[in-house]
């Protein structure tokens, strides 16, 4: 019986902490869903950062996939204030530079 009470108290504490976190996210002007999408987008940023280092070795299909995933990533990062992800800024800027160079390369190929 005591274990059940301890379990209820633990669940109550976890619920209170989760509600507090959600209220803090809302108070800072962000949407809770956007914030949690951002958390998962950090993993995508790491993957795209690795691919951005080898941009000269990408095939056309890989370049298209990179562009598509980078656009998704940029929209997720735009919804979050930059002070939250300033630790990831170097990776973000590297992915952005690779994105720009691939877009320019593909644009020059289509206009030529």
Protein backbone atom coordinates (compact mmCIF):
# COMPACT_ATOMS: atom_id res chain seq x y z
CA UNK A 1 0.00 0.00 0.00
CA UNK A 2 2.86 2.36 0.84
CA UNK A 3 4.42 1.73 -2.58
CA UNK A 4 1.21 2.88 -4.27
CA UNK A 5 1.23 6.14 -2.27
CA UNK A 6 4.89 6.72 -3.15
CA UNK A 7 4.07 6.06 -6.81
CA UNK A 8 1.18 8.53 -6.72
CA UNK A 9 3.33 11.18 -5.08
CA UNK A 10 6.10 10.65 -7.64
CA UNK A 11 3.61 10.94 -10.51
CA UNK A 12 2.15 14.09 -8.94
CA UNK A 13 5.61 15.65 -8.64
CA UNK A 14 6.46 14.74 -12.25
CA UNK A 15 3.15 16.24 -13.41
CA UNK A 16 3.81 19.45 -11.51
CA UNK A 17 7.30 19.73 -12.98
CA UNK A 18 5.98 19.11 -16.52
CA UNK A 19 3.27 21.75 -16.06
CA UNK A 20 5.84 24.22 -14.73
CA UNK A 21 8.11 23.65 -17.73
CA UNK A 22 5.21 24.12 -20.15
CA UNK A 23 4.17 27.33 -18.41
CA UNK A 24 7.73 28.67 -18.58
CA UNK A 25 7.92 27.87 -22.30
CA UNK A 26 4.59 29.62 -22.89
CA UNK A 27 5.66 32.60 -20.76
CA UNK A 28 8.74 33.07 -22.93
CA UNK A 29 6.47 33.43 -25.98
CA UNK A 30 7.07 30.07 -27.60
CA UNK A 31 4.70 27.32 -28.52
CA UNK A 32 5.34 24.13 -26.53
CA UNK A 33 5.04 21.97 -29.66
CA UNK A 34 7.55 24.15 -31.51
CA UNK A 35 9.98 23.92 -28.60
CA UNK A 36 9.89 20.12 -28.53
CA UNK A 37 10.23 19.99 -32.32
CA UNK A 38 13.31 22.16 -31.87
CA UNK A 39 14.74 19.68 -29.36
CA UNK A 40 14.46 16.91 -31.95
CA UNK A 41 15.75 19.23 -34.69
CA UNK A 42 19.07 19.53 -32.90
CA UNK A 43 19.74 15.90 -33.84
CA UNK A 44 18.91 16.73 -37.45
CA UNK A 45 21.31 19.67 -37.25
CA UNK A 46 24.10 17.34 -36.20
CA UNK A 47 23.39 15.05 -39.13
CA UNK A 48 23.21 17.89 -41.64
CA UNK A 49 26.40 19.36 -40.19
CA UNK A 50 28.22 16.11 -40.98
CA UNK A 51 26.84 16.14 -44.52
CA UNK A 52 27.75 19.80 -44.97
CA UNK A 53 31.40 18.96 -44.46
CA UNK A 54 31.37 16.73 -47.52
CA UNK A 55 29.34 18.92 -49.88
CA UNK A 56 31.75 18.44 -52.79
CA UNK A 57 31.19 14.68 -52.68
CA UNK A 58 27.39 14.78 -52.72
CA UNK A 59 25.46 13.38 -55.64
CA UNK A 60 22.49 15.23 -57.11
CA UNK A 61 20.06 13.11 -55.12
CA UNK A 62 21.97 13.78 -51.90
CA UNK A 63 22.03 17.50 -52.66
CA UNK A 64 18.26 17.56 -53.17
CA UNK A 65 17.72 15.65 -49.93
CA UNK A 66 20.11 17.99 -48.12
CA UNK A 67 18.27 21.06 -49.40
CA UNK A 68 14.88 19.66 -48.41
CA UNK A 69 16.00 18.68 -44.90
CA UNK A 70 17.85 21.96 -44.40
CA UNK A 71 14.71 23.94 -45.26
CA UNK A 72 12.73 21.96 -42.68
CA UNK A 73 15.46 22.57 -40.13
CA UNK A 74 15.57 26.31 -40.81
CA UNK A 75 11.81 26.67 -40.27
CA UNK A 76 12.07 24.87 -36.92
CA UNK A 77 14.96 27.03 -35.80
CA UNK A 78 13.22 30.26 -36.88
CA UNK A 79 10.40 29.63 -34.40
CA UNK A 80 12.80 29.58 -31.44
CA UNK A 81 14.68 32.64 -30.11
CA UNK A 82 18.34 32.58 -31.09
CA UNK A 83 19.56 32.92 -27.50
CA UNK A 84 18.33 29.38 -26.83
CA UNK A 85 20.34 27.79 -29.62
CA UNK A 86 23.42 30.01 -29.58
CA UNK A 87 25.55 26.98 -28.63
CA UNK A 88 24.59 25.39 -31.95
CA UNK A 89 25.20 28.54 -34.00
CA UNK A 90 28.46 27.33 -35.56
CA UNK A 91 26.82 24.16 -36.88
CA UNK A 92 23.79 26.12 -38.04
CA UNK A 93 25.91 28.63 -39.95
CA UNK A 94 27.94 25.84 -41.59
CA UNK A 95 24.74 24.12 -42.74
CA UNK A 96 23.40 27.47 -43.96
CA UNK A 97 26.55 28.19 -45.96
CA UNK A 98 26.44 24.73 -47.55
CA UNK A 99 22.75 25.23 -48.30
CA UNK A 100 23.47 28.54 -50.01
CA UNK A 101 26.34 27.15 -52.07
CA UNK A 102 24.32 24.13 -53.24
CA UNK A 103 21.37 26.39 -54.12
CA UNK A 104 23.67 28.66 -56.14
CA UNK A 105 25.29 25.68 -57.85
CA UNK A 106 21.93 24.18 -58.77
CA UNK A 107 20.59 27.58 -59.88
CA UNK A 108 23.59 28.16 -62.14
CA UNK A 109 23.15 24.70 -63.66
CA UNK A 110 19.48 25.33 -64.48
CA UNK A 111 20.12 28.74 -66.03
CA UNK A 112 23.07 27.60 -68.14
